[in-house]
Amino acid sequence: MTVLFFNYPKCSTCVKARKWLEENKIDFTSRHIVEEKPTAEELKAFIKLSNLPLKKFFNTSGIFYRQLNLKDKIPTMTEDETINLLSSNGMLVKRPLIVCDKGILIGFKVDEWKNFFEK
């Protein structure tokens, strides 16, 4: 199973998630969520694979989300507009983000990760 790990190295949650992956001997490819942000096409595929609402992919506690007042703007945007906005800045994307053939993990909750990776 190929695991893609989108993360922001300065994020303490991402650091914990990386450590968990390493401790559980899960091979992964790391991708800096700001320097190599997910493209609109990738996000469309991730959303489809996850069966989660698009809003779950937003880092709602992030500075940019609040500065842009996205809580009020997103409900009036089309799906394409929302995905294009999300792909424009990696700091808008909820992290860490795991993508693999098996599915998608958003955020780091140990119990969810244990269940997902069968550890």
Protein backbone atom coordinates (compact mmCIF):
# COMPACT_ATOMS: atom_id res chain seq x y z
CA MET A 1 0.00 0.00 0.00
CA THR A 2 1.42 3.37 -1.03
CA VAL A 3 0.77 6.01 1.62
CA LEU A 4 1.01 9.72 0.84
CA PHE A 5 1.44 11.86 3.96
CA PHE A 6 0.61 15.54 3.51
CA ASN A 7 2.01 17.48 6.44
CA TYR A 8 3.39 20.78 7.65
CA PRO A 9 6.71 20.10 9.44
CA LYS A 10 6.18 22.89 12.01
CA CYS A 11 2.76 21.52 13.01
CA SER A 12 2.96 19.62 16.31
CA THR A 13 0.10 17.32 15.29
CA CYS A 14 1.89 16.46 12.05
CA VAL A 15 5.06 15.71 14.02
CA LYS A 16 3.10 13.31 16.26
CA ALA A 17 1.50 11.68 13.22
CA ARG A 18 4.87 11.21 11.50
CA LYS A 19 6.29 9.66 14.66
CA TRP A 20 3.30 7.31 14.87
CA LEU A 21 3.77 6.21 11.25
CA GLU A 22 7.48 5.57 11.84
CA GLU A 23 6.90 3.71 15.12
CA ASN A 24 4.33 1.50 13.41
CA LYS A 25 6.68 0.83 10.49
CA ILE A 26 4.32 2.25 7.89
CA ASP A 27 6.16 3.28 4.74
CA PHE A 28 5.03 6.64 3.45
CA THR A 29 5.94 9.42 1.08
CA SER A 30 5.99 12.78 2.80
CA ARG A 31 4.71 15.87 1.02
CA HIS A 32 5.05 19.37 2.47
CA ILE A 33 1.48 20.69 2.31
CA VAL A 34 2.58 24.28 1.62
CA GLU A 35 5.51 23.70 -0.76
CA GLU A 36 3.73 20.92 -2.69
CA LYS A 37 0.08 21.74 -2.02
CA PRO A 38 -2.60 19.40 -3.32
CA THR A 39 -3.90 20.37 -6.75
CA ALA A 40 -7.57 20.91 -7.49
CA GLU A 41 -7.59 17.62 -9.43
CA GLU A 42 -6.02 15.75 -6.52
CA LEU A 43 -8.49 17.27 -4.07
CA LYS A 44 -11.43 16.24 -6.24
CA ALA A 45 -10.12 12.66 -6.25
CA PHE A 46 -9.46 12.73 -2.47
CA ILE A 47 -12.96 14.01 -1.73
CA LYS A 48 -14.51 11.33 -3.90
CA LEU A 49 -12.40 8.60 -2.29
CA SER A 50 -13.16 9.79 1.24
CA ASN A 51 -16.94 10.08 0.93
CA LEU A 52 -16.60 13.06 3.30
CA PRO A 53 -18.08 16.51 2.79
CA LEU A 54 -15.73 19.02 1.19
CA LYS A 55 -15.77 21.21 4.31
CA LYS A 56 -13.96 18.44 6.25
CA PHE A 57 -10.85 19.17 4.15
CA PHE A 58 -10.57 22.75 5.45
CA ASN A 59 -8.30 23.70 8.33
CA THR A 60 -11.07 25.64 10.09
CA SER A 61 -8.84 26.53 13.02
CA GLY A 62 -6.18 28.06 10.78
CA ILE A 63 -5.32 31.74 10.55
CA PHE A 64 -6.02 32.00 6.80
CA TYR A 65 -9.44 30.38 7.16
CA ARG A 66 -10.42 32.97 9.77
CA GLN A 67 -8.77 35.93 8.01
CA LEU A 68 -10.64 35.18 4.78
CA ASN A 69 -13.90 34.73 6.71
CA LEU A 70 -14.44 31.42 4.92
CA LYS A 71 -17.04 30.20 7.39
CA ASP A 72 -19.46 32.67 5.79
CA LYS A 73 -18.12 32.55 2.22
CA ILE A 74 -17.90 28.80 1.57
CA PRO A 75 -21.65 28.08 1.79
CA THR A 76 -22.27 30.48 -1.11
CA MET A 77 -19.50 29.08 -3.32
CA THR A 78 -19.81 26.36 -5.94
CA GLU A 79 -17.93 23.10 -5.41
CA ASP A 80 -15.39 24.02 -8.10
CA GLU A 81 -14.82 27.46 -6.57
CA THR A 82 -14.36 25.89 -3.14
CA ILE A 83 -11.91 23.26 -4.41
CA ASN A 84 -9.94 25.90 -6.34
CA LEU A 85 -9.74 28.02 -3.19
CA LEU A 86 -8.62 25.04 -1.12
CA SER A 87 -5.93 24.15 -3.67
CA SER A 88 -4.63 27.74 -3.73
CA ASN A 89 -3.02 27.59 -0.28
CA GLY A 90 -1.79 24.49 1.54
CA MET A 91 -2.42 26.17 4.90
CA LEU A 92 -6.16 25.99 4.19
CA VAL A 93 -6.02 22.18 4.03
CA LYS A 94 -6.68 20.19 7.21
CA ARG A 95 -3.58 18.30 8.21
CA PRO A 96 -2.12 15.82 8.46
CA LEU A 97 -3.74 14.22 5.47
CA ILE A 98 -3.18 10.56 4.60
CA VAL A 99 -4.05 9.36 1.12
CA CYS A 100 -3.79 5.75 -0.02
CA ASP A 101 -5.70 3.13 -1.99
CA LYS A 102 -7.55 2.13 1.17
CA GLY A 103 -8.92 5.61 1.79
CA ILE A 104 -8.29 9.00 3.35
CA LEU A 105 -7.45 10.11 6.88
CA ILE A 106 -7.84 13.76 7.84
CA GLY A 107 -6.30 14.97 11.07
CA PHE A 108 -4.58 12.75 13.60
CA LYS A 109 -6.64 10.67 16.00
CA VAL A 110 -4.66 7.67 17.21
CA ASP A 111 -7.64 5.32 17.49
CA GLU A 112 -8.78 6.12 13.93
CA TRP A 113 -5.26 5.60 12.62
CA LYS A 114 -4.85 2.29 14.49
CA ASN A 115 -8.12 1.03 13.03
CA PHE A 116 -7.34 2.29 9.53
CA PHE A 117 -3.85 0.75 9.45
CA GLU A 118 -4.93 -2.31 11.47
CA LYS A 119 -2.32 -1.73 14.19
